[in-house]
Amino acid sequence: MGEAEIKIFEIKGLMMLSHDSFPTWHKFTVYVRALREQDALEKVFSELGSRHKLKRRHIRIESIRAVSPEEVNDARVLALSQATKVR
């Protein structure tokens, strides 16, 4: 069985902040490392939900695409993609 390649996905969308008092939609762009597109979406739902206390219905995905490491401007994701071994 071959080795699966980890890709970097750029996910753009909208999230509703202050959904209980004065709801406003805010744009976001997130870079995520994952094997598949579905895994990347789950990671975004999980992180945004945890960080901002959002339900899935408060997150709208507009686009998702695989990008090269040169296109990434998130230092954490870039450092992980360039790592050669785990300590």
PDB file of N, CA and C in Angstrom:
ATOM      1  N   MET A   1       0.844  -1.176   0.000  1.00  0.00           N
ATOM      2  CA  MET A   1       0.000   0.000   0.000  1.00  0.00           C
ATOM      3  C   MET A   1       0.888   1.239   0.000  1.00  0.00           C
ATOM      4  N   GLY A   2       0.590   2.215  -0.842  1.00  0.00           N
ATOM      5  CA  GLY A   2       1.400   3.421  -0.966  1.00  0.00           C
ATOM      6  C   GLY A   2       1.182   4.399   0.170  1.00  0.00           C
ATOM      7  N   GLU A   3       2.138   5.284   0.303  1.00  0.00           N
ATOM      8  CA  GLU A   3       2.049   6.317   1.328  1.00  0.00           C
ATOM      9  C   GLU A   3       1.140   7.441   0.864  1.00  0.00           C
ATOM     10  N   ALA A   4       0.277   7.900   1.733  1.00  0.00           N
ATOM     11  CA  ALA A   4      -0.624   9.005   1.401  1.00  0.00           C
ATOM     12  C   ALA A   4       0.130  10.320   1.538  1.00  0.00           C
ATOM     13  N   GLU A   5      -0.143  11.230   0.637  1.00  0.00           N
ATOM     14  CA  GLU A   5       0.529  12.528   0.650  1.00  0.00           C
ATOM     15  C   GLU A   5      -0.335  13.552   1.380  1.00  0.00           C
ATOM     16  N   ILE A   6       0.275  14.249   2.318  1.00  0.00           N
ATOM     17  CA  ILE A   6      -0.431  15.302   3.041  1.00  0.00           C
ATOM     18  C   ILE A   6      -0.401  16.562   2.189  1.00  0.00           C
ATOM     19  N   LYS A   7      -1.571  17.153   1.992  1.00  0.00           N
ATOM     20  CA  LYS A   7      -1.698  18.357   1.175  1.00  0.00           C
ATOM     21  C   LYS A   7      -2.041  19.539   2.064  1.00  0.00           C
ATOM     22  N   ILE A   8      -1.844  20.728   1.522  1.00  0.00           N
ATOM     23  CA  ILE A   8      -2.242  21.950   2.218  1.00  0.00           C
ATOM     24  C   ILE A   8      -3.468  22.496   1.497  1.00  0.00           C
ATOM     25  N   PHE A   9      -4.532  22.749   2.259  1.00  0.00           N
ATOM     26  CA  PHE A   9      -5.772  23.270   1.696  1.00  0.00           C
ATOM     27  C   PHE A   9      -6.005  24.698   2.178  1.00  0.00           C
ATOM     28  N   GLU A  10      -6.451  25.543   1.255  1.00  0.00           N
ATOM     29  CA  GLU A  10      -6.875  26.897   1.598  1.00  0.00           C
ATOM     30  C   GLU A  10      -8.401  26.883   1.628  1.00  0.00           C
ATOM     31  N   ILE A  11      -8.961  27.250   2.772  1.00  0.00           N
ATOM     32  CA  ILE A  11     -10.410  27.244   2.934  1.00  0.00           C
ATOM     33  C   ILE A  11     -10.867  28.662   3.228  1.00  0.00           C
ATOM     34  N   LYS A  12     -11.779  29.158   2.389  1.00  0.00           N
ATOM     35  CA  LYS A  12     -12.329  30.502   2.563  1.00  0.00           C
ATOM     36  C   LYS A  12     -13.810  30.383   2.868  1.00  0.00           C
ATOM     37  N   GLY A  13     -14.295  31.298   3.693  1.00  0.00           N
ATOM     38  CA  GLY A  13     -15.707  31.259   4.023  1.00  0.00           C
ATOM     39  C   GLY A  13     -16.120  32.407   4.909  1.00  0.00           C
ATOM     40  N   LEU A  14     -17.297  32.239   5.499  1.00  0.00           N
ATOM     41  CA  LEU A  14     -17.866  33.237   6.405  1.00  0.00           C
ATOM     42  C   LEU A  14     -18.215  32.559   7.720  1.00  0.00           C
ATOM     43  N   MET A  15     -18.044  33.300   8.815  1.00  0.00           N
ATOM     44  CA  MET A  15     -18.479  32.798  10.114  1.00  0.00           C
ATOM     45  C   MET A  15     -19.268  33.886  10.820  1.00  0.00           C
ATOM     46  N   MET A  16     -20.312  33.459  11.515  1.00  0.00           N
ATOM     47  CA  MET A  16     -21.162  34.409  12.220  1.00  0.00           C
ATOM     48  C   MET A  16     -20.632  34.580  13.642  1.00  0.00           C
ATOM     49  N   LEU A  17     -20.201  35.797  13.954  1.00  0.00           N
ATOM     50  CA  LEU A  17     -19.739  36.105  15.304  1.00  0.00           C
ATOM     51  C   LEU A  17     -20.819  36.872  16.045  1.00  0.00           C
ATOM     52  N   SER A  18     -20.827  36.764  17.335  1.00  0.00           N
ATOM     53  CA  SER A  18     -21.841  37.392  18.200  1.00  0.00           C
ATOM     54  C   SER A  18     -23.242  36.947  17.798  1.00  0.00           C
ATOM     55  N   HIS A  19     -23.400  35.645  17.549  1.00  0.00           N
ATOM     56  CA  HIS A  19     -24.681  35.126  17.059  1.00  0.00           C
ATOM     57  C   HIS A  19     -25.817  35.286  18.065  1.00  0.00           C
ATOM     58  N   ASP A  20     -25.506  35.514  19.349  1.00  0.00           N
ATOM     59  CA  ASP A  20     -26.574  35.634  20.337  1.00  0.00           C
ATOM     60  C   ASP A  20     -27.000  37.077  20.613  1.00  0.00           C
ATOM     61  N   SER A  21     -26.133  38.071  20.323  1.00  0.00           N
ATOM     62  CA  SER A  21     -26.518  39.460  20.606  1.00  0.00           C
ATOM     63  C   SER A  21     -26.707  40.277  19.327  1.00  0.00           C
ATOM     64  N   PHE A  22     -25.628  40.524  18.587  1.00  0.00           N
ATOM     65  CA  PHE A  22     -25.717  41.290  17.346  1.00  0.00           C
ATOM     66  C   PHE A  22     -24.959  40.522  16.268  1.00  0.00           C
ATOM     67  N   PRO A  23     -25.641  39.613  15.568  1.00  0.00           N
ATOM     68  CA  PRO A  23     -24.939  38.731  14.631  1.00  0.00           C
ATOM     69  C   PRO A  23     -24.367  39.462  13.417  1.00  0.00           C
ATOM     70  N   THR A  24     -23.099  39.180  13.131  1.00  0.00           N
ATOM     71  CA  THR A  24     -22.442  39.722  11.942  1.00  0.00           C
ATOM     72  C   THR A  24     -21.606  38.614  11.307  1.00  0.00           C
ATOM     73  N   TRP A  25     -21.608  38.592   9.977  1.00  0.00           N
ATOM     74  CA  TRP A  25     -20.820  37.617   9.237  1.00  0.00           C
ATOM     75  C   TRP A  25     -19.442  38.206   8.954  1.00  0.00           C
ATOM     76  N   HIS A  26     -18.391  37.428   9.235  1.00  0.00           N
ATOM     77  CA  HIS A  26     -17.011  37.846   9.004  1.00  0.00           C
ATOM     78  C   HIS A  26     -16.341  36.849   8.065  1.00  0.00           C
ATOM     79  N   LYS A  27     -15.537  37.373   7.129  1.00  0.00           N
ATOM     80  CA  LYS A  27     -14.796  36.513   6.210  1.00  0.00           C
ATOM     81  C   LYS A  27     -13.601  35.900   6.938  1.00  0.00           C
ATOM     82  N   PHE A  28     -13.215  34.705   6.496  1.00  0.00           N
ATOM     83  CA  PHE A  28     -12.003  34.083   7.025  1.00  0.00           C
ATOM     84  C   PHE A  28     -11.310  33.291   5.926  1.00  0.00           C
ATOM     85  N   THR A  29     -10.012  33.133   6.080  1.00  0.00           N
ATOM     86  CA  THR A  29      -9.199  32.271   5.236  1.00  0.00           C
ATOM     87  C   THR A  29      -8.311  31.462   6.162  1.00  0.00           C
ATOM     88  N   VAL A  30      -8.365  30.140   6.027  1.00  0.00           N
ATOM     89  CA  VAL A  30      -7.609  29.250   6.899  1.00  0.00           C
ATOM     90  C   VAL A  30      -6.821  28.279   6.028  1.00  0.00           C
ATOM     91  N   TYR A  31      -5.578  28.011   6.426  1.00  0.00           N
ATOM     92  CA  TYR A  31      -4.760  26.996   5.766  1.00  0.00           C
ATOM     93  C   TYR A  31      -4.677  25.787   6.689  1.00  0.00           C
ATOM     94  N   VAL A  32      -4.964  24.608   6.129  1.00  0.00           N
ATOM     95  CA  VAL A  32      -5.016  23.377   6.915  1.00  0.00           C
ATOM     96  C   VAL A  32      -4.263  22.285   6.175  1.00  0.00           C
ATOM     97  N   ARG A  33      -3.519  21.460   6.920  1.00  0.00           N
ATOM     98  CA  ARG A  33      -2.861  20.291   6.343  1.00  0.00           C
ATOM     99  C   ARG A  33      -3.762  19.083   6.567  1.00  0.00           C
ATOM    100  N   ALA A  34      -4.024  18.339   5.497  1.00  0.00           N
ATOM    101  CA  ALA A  34      -4.888  17.159   5.606  1.00  0.00           C
ATOM    102  C   ALA A  34      -4.634  16.230   4.425  1.00  0.00           C
ATOM    103  N   LEU A  35      -5.104  15.002   4.563  1.00  0.00           N
ATOM    104  CA  LEU A  35      -4.980  14.030   3.476  1.00  0.00           C
ATOM    105  C   LEU A  35      -6.043  14.246   2.410  1.00  0.00           C
ATOM    106  N   ARG A  36      -7.268  14.543   2.869  1.00  0.00           N
ATOM    107  CA  ARG A  36      -8.389  14.701   1.944  1.00  0.00           C
ATOM    108  C   ARG A  36      -9.108  16.014   2.215  1.00  0.00           C
ATOM    109  N   GLU A  37      -9.901  16.436   1.241  1.00  0.00           N
ATOM    110  CA  GLU A  37     -10.694  17.657   1.365  1.00  0.00           C
ATOM    111  C   GLU A  37     -11.675  17.566   2.536  1.00  0.00           C
ATOM    112  N   GLN A  38     -12.304  16.403   2.705  1.00  0.00           N
ATOM    113  CA  GLN A  38     -13.267  16.217   3.791  1.00  0.00           C
ATOM    114  C   GLN A  38     -12.593  16.345   5.155  1.00  0.00           C
ATOM    115  N   ASP A  39     -11.370  15.836   5.276  1.00  0.00           N
ATOM    116  CA  ASP A  39     -10.627  15.946   6.535  1.00  0.00           C
ATOM    117  C   ASP A  39     -10.304  17.404   6.847  1.00  0.00           C
ATOM    118  N   ALA A  40      -9.967  18.171   5.815  1.00  0.00           N
ATOM    119  CA  ALA A  40      -9.661  19.592   6.002  1.00  0.00           C
ATOM    120  C   ALA A  40     -10.900  20.355   6.467  1.00  0.00           C
ATOM    121  N   LEU A  41     -12.054  20.043   5.892  1.00  0.00           N
ATOM    122  CA  LEU A  41     -13.296  20.698   6.312  1.00  0.00           C
ATOM    123  C   LEU A  41     -13.624  20.389   7.769  1.00  0.00           C
ATOM    124  N   GLU A  42     -13.476  19.135   8.161  1.00  0.00           N
ATOM    125  CA  GLU A  42     -13.740  18.755   9.550  1.00  0.00           C
ATOM    126  C   GLU A  42     -12.814  19.502  10.503  1.00  0.00           C
ATOM    127  N   LYS A  43     -11.561  19.660  10.113  1.00  0.00           N
ATOM    128  CA  LYS A  43     -10.592  20.379  10.945  1.00  0.00           C
ATOM    129  C   LYS A  43     -11.002  21.840  11.119  1.00  0.00           C
ATOM    130  N   VAL A  44     -11.474  22.474  10.038  1.00  0.00           N
ATOM    131  CA  VAL A  44     -11.908  23.874  10.114  1.00  0.00           C
ATOM    132  C   VAL A  44     -13.135  24.007  11.005  1.00  0.00           C
ATOM    133  N   PHE A  45     -14.123  23.143  10.827  1.00  0.00           N
ATOM    134  CA  PHE A  45     -15.312  23.184  11.684  1.00  0.00           C
ATOM    135  C   PHE A  45     -14.922  23.004  13.153  1.00  0.00           C
ATOM    136  N   SER A  46     -14.021  22.091  13.410  1.00  0.00           N
ATOM    137  CA  SER A  46     -13.588  21.811  14.773  1.00  0.00           C
ATOM    138  C   SER A  46     -12.845  22.998  15.385  1.00  0.00           C
ATOM    139  N   GLU A  47     -11.887  23.562  14.649  1.00  0.00           N
ATOM    140  CA  GLU A  47     -11.088  24.669  15.184  1.00  0.00           C
ATOM    141  C   GLU A  47     -11.908  25.937  15.385  1.00  0.00           C
ATOM    142  N   LEU A  48     -12.706  26.313  14.378  1.00  0.00           N
ATOM    143  CA  LEU A  48     -13.510  27.530  14.515  1.00  0.00           C
ATOM    144  C   LEU A  48     -14.590  27.362  15.577  1.00  0.00           C
ATOM    145  N   GLY A  49     -15.178  26.183  15.641  1.00  0.00           N
ATOM    146  CA  GLY A  49     -16.187  25.927  16.658  1.00  0.00           C
ATOM    147  C   GLY A  49     -15.611  26.004  18.056  1.00  0.00           C
ATOM    148  N   SER A  50     -14.424  25.478  18.226  1.00  0.00           N
ATOM    149  CA  SER A  50     -13.775  25.493  19.530  1.00  0.00           C
ATOM    150  C   SER A  50     -13.292  26.893  19.907  1.00  0.00           C
ATOM    151  N   ARG A  51     -12.673  27.573  18.969  1.00  0.00           N
ATOM    152  CA  ARG A  51     -12.080  28.884  19.242  1.00  0.00           C
ATOM    153  C   ARG A  51     -13.127  29.975  19.445  1.00  0.00           C
ATOM    154  N   HIS A  52     -14.218  29.934  18.660  1.00  0.00           N
ATOM    155  CA  HIS A  52     -15.216  31.011  18.689  1.00  0.00           C
ATOM    156  C   HIS A  52     -16.582  30.558  19.199  1.00  0.00           C
ATOM    157  N   LYS A  53     -16.682  29.316  19.689  1.00  0.00           N
ATOM    158  CA  LYS A  53     -17.947  28.771  20.211  1.00  0.00           C
ATOM    159  C   LYS A  53     -19.064  28.825  19.167  1.00  0.00           C
ATOM    160  N   LEU A  54     -18.744  28.354  17.954  1.00  0.00           N
ATOM    161  CA  LEU A  54     -19.694  28.383  16.846  1.00  0.00           C
ATOM    162  C   LEU A  54     -20.253  26.996  16.577  1.00  0.00           C
ATOM    163  N   LYS A  55     -21.484  26.950  16.149  1.00  0.00           N
ATOM    164  CA  LYS A  55     -22.091  25.723  15.641  1.00  0.00           C
ATOM    165  C   LYS A  55     -21.765  25.639  14.145  1.00  0.00           C
ATOM    166  N   ARG A  56     -21.929  24.468  13.568  1.00  0.00           N
ATOM    167  CA  ARG A  56     -21.656  24.306  12.134  1.00  0.00           C
ATOM    168  C   ARG A  56     -22.538  25.199  11.276  1.00  0.00           C
ATOM    169  N   ARG A  57     -23.746  25.474  11.727  1.00  0.00           N
ATOM    170  CA  ARG A  57     -24.641  26.326  10.932  1.00  0.00           C
ATOM    171  C   ARG A  57     -24.178  27.783  10.916  1.00  0.00           C
ATOM    172  N   HIS A  58     -23.244  28.151  11.803  1.00  0.00           N
ATOM    173  CA  HIS A  58     -22.707  29.510  11.834  1.00  0.00           C
ATOM    174  C   HIS A  58     -21.437  29.645  11.004  1.00  0.00           C
ATOM    175  N   ILE A  59     -21.057  28.575  10.292  1.00  0.00           N
ATOM    176  CA  ILE A  59     -19.866  28.579   9.439  1.00  0.00           C
ATOM    177  C   ILE A  59     -20.303  28.219   8.027  1.00  0.00           C
ATOM    178  N   ARG A  60     -20.009  29.087   7.072  1.00  0.00           N
ATOM    179  CA  ARG A  60     -20.334  28.829   5.658  1.00  0.00           C
ATOM    180  C   ARG A  60     -19.035  28.772   4.865  1.00  0.00           C
ATOM    181  N   ILE A  61     -18.811  27.666   4.193  1.00  0.00           N
ATOM    182  CA  ILE A  61     -17.615  27.485   3.384  1.00  0.00           C
ATOM    183  C   ILE A  61     -17.913  27.971   1.970  1.00  0.00           C
ATOM    184  N   GLU A  62     -17.081  28.891   1.466  1.00  0.00           N
ATOM    185  CA  GLU A  62     -17.251  29.409   0.103  1.00  0.00           C
ATOM    186  C   GLU A  62     -16.374  28.665  -0.891  1.00  0.00           C
ATOM    187  N   SER A  63     -15.131  28.349  -0.502  1.00  0.00           N
ATOM    188  CA  SER A  63     -14.245  27.639  -1.425  1.00  0.00           C
ATOM    189  C   SER A  63     -13.204  26.847  -0.644  1.00  0.00           C
ATOM    190  N   ILE A  64     -12.762  25.770  -1.273  1.00  0.00           N
ATOM    191  CA  ILE A  64     -11.681  24.959  -0.727  1.00  0.00           C
ATOM    192  C   ILE A  64     -10.832  24.501  -1.895  1.00  0.00           C
ATOM    193  N   ARG A  65      -9.508  24.651  -1.760  1.00  0.00           N
ATOM    194  CA  ARG A  65      -8.617  24.231  -2.842  1.00  0.00           C
ATOM    195  C   ARG A  65      -7.262  23.844  -2.276  1.00  0.00           C
ATOM    196  N   ALA A  66      -6.615  22.914  -2.946  1.00  0.00           N
ATOM    197  CA  ALA A  66      -5.266  22.512  -2.564  1.00  0.00           C
ATOM    198  C   ALA A  66      -4.293  23.564  -3.087  1.00  0.00           C
ATOM    199  N   VAL A  67      -3.332  23.949  -2.258  1.00  0.00           N
ATOM    200  CA  VAL A  67      -2.360  24.976  -2.641  1.00  0.00           C
ATOM    201  C   VAL A  67      -0.953  24.433  -2.446  1.00  0.00           C
ATOM    202  N   SER A  68       0.000  25.080  -3.098  1.00  0.00           N
ATOM    203  CA  SER A  68       1.404  24.715  -2.927  1.00  0.00           C
ATOM    204  C   SER A  68       1.962  25.437  -1.698  1.00  0.00           C
ATOM    205  N   PRO A  69       3.043  24.943  -1.120  1.00  0.00           N
ATOM    206  CA  PRO A  69       3.631  25.607   0.053  1.00  0.00           C
ATOM    207  C   PRO A  69       4.050  27.055  -0.217  1.00  0.00           C
ATOM    208  N   GLU A  70       4.349  27.395  -1.456  1.00  0.00           N
ATOM    209  CA  GLU A  70       4.744  28.767  -1.793  1.00  0.00           C
ATOM    210  C   GLU A  70       3.591  29.753  -1.636  1.00  0.00           C
ATOM    211  N   GLU A  71       2.356  29.284  -1.730  1.00  0.00           N
ATOM    212  CA  GLU A  71       1.185  30.156  -1.625  1.00  0.00           C
ATOM    213  C   GLU A  71       0.732  30.384  -0.185  1.00  0.00           C
ATOM    214  N   VAL A  72       1.276  29.626   0.753  1.00  0.00           N
ATOM    215  CA  VAL A  72       0.826  29.684   2.146  1.00  0.00           C
ATOM    216  C   VAL A  72       1.503  30.843   2.870  1.00  0.00           C
ATOM    217  N   ASN A  73       0.700  31.627   3.618  1.00  0.00           N
ATOM    218  CA  ASN A  73       1.278  32.708   4.417  1.00  0.00           C
ATOM    219  C   ASN A  73       1.089  32.478   5.916  1.00  0.00           C
ATOM    220  N   ASP A  74       0.699  31.275   6.306  1.00  0.00           N
ATOM    221  CA  ASP A  74       0.570  30.900   7.714  1.00  0.00           C
ATOM    222  C   ASP A  74       1.871  30.215   8.139  1.00  0.00           C
ATOM    223  N   ALA A  75       2.620  30.852   9.035  1.00  0.00           N
ATOM    224  CA  ALA A  75       3.939  30.356   9.429  1.00  0.00           C
ATOM    225  C   ALA A  75       3.872  28.972  10.078  1.00  0.00           C
ATOM    226  N   ARG A  76       2.832  28.704  10.862  1.00  0.00           N
ATOM    227  CA  ARG A  76       2.704  27.415  11.543  1.00  0.00           C
ATOM    228  C   ARG A  76       2.521  26.272  10.541  1.00  0.00           C
ATOM    229  N   VAL A  77       1.640  26.466   9.577  1.00  0.00           N
ATOM    230  CA  VAL A  77       1.384  25.435   8.567  1.00  0.00           C
ATOM    231  C   VAL A  77       2.615  25.250   7.686  1.00  0.00           C
ATOM    232  N   LEU A  78       3.280  26.339   7.346  1.00  0.00           N
ATOM    233  CA  LEU A  78       4.479  26.272   6.516  1.00  0.00           C
ATOM    234  C   LEU A  78       5.595  25.518   7.233  1.00  0.00           C
ATOM    235  N   ALA A  79       5.782  25.777   8.517  1.00  0.00           N
ATOM    236  CA  ALA A  79       6.814  25.081   9.287  1.00  0.00           C
ATOM    237  C   ALA A  79       6.513  23.588   9.378  1.00  0.00           C
ATOM    238  N   LEU A  80       5.248  23.228   9.563  1.00  0.00           N
ATOM    239  CA  LEU A  80       4.875  21.814   9.626  1.00  0.00           C
ATOM    240  C   LEU A  80       5.107  21.112   8.293  1.00  0.00           C
ATOM    241  N   SER A  81       4.864  21.811   7.195  1.00  0.00           N
ATOM    242  CA  SER A  81       5.025  21.184   5.881  1.00  0.00           C
ATOM    243  C   SER A  81       6.494  20.979   5.528  1.00  0.00           C
ATOM    244  N   GLN A  82       7.386  21.751   6.144  1.00  0.00           N
ATOM    245  CA  GLN A  82       8.814  21.632   5.845  1.00  0.00           C
ATOM    246  C   GLN A  82       9.552  20.733   6.830  1.00  0.00           C
ATOM    247  N   ALA A  83       8.872  20.240   7.847  1.00  0.00           N
ATOM    248  CA  ALA A  83       9.503  19.369   8.837  1.00  0.00           C
ATOM    249  C   ALA A  83       9.874  18.036   8.197  1.00  0.00           C
ATOM    250  N   THR A  84      11.050  17.534   8.534  1.00  0.00           N
ATOM    251  CA  THR A  84      11.499  16.268   7.965  1.00  0.00           C
ATOM    252  C   THR A  84      11.390  15.118   8.949  1.00  0.00           C
ATOM    253  N   LYS A  85      11.370  15.421  10.263  1.00  0.00           N
ATOM    254  CA  LYS A  85      11.227  14.347  11.242  1.00  0.00           C
ATOM    255  C   LYS A  85      10.487  14.863  12.469  1.00  0.00           C
ATOM    256  N   VAL A  86       9.953  13.913  13.223  1.00  0.00           N
ATOM    257  CA  VAL A  86       9.229  14.232  14.451  1.00  0.00           C
ATOM    258  C   VAL A  86      10.166  13.982  15.622  1.00  0.00           C
ATOM    259  N   ARG A  87      10.234  14.919  16.535  1.00  0.00           N
ATOM    260  CA  ARG A  87      11.124  14.748  17.695  1.00  0.00           C
ATOM    261  C   ARG A  87      10.495  13.903  18.746  1.00  0.00           C
TER     262      ARG A  87
END
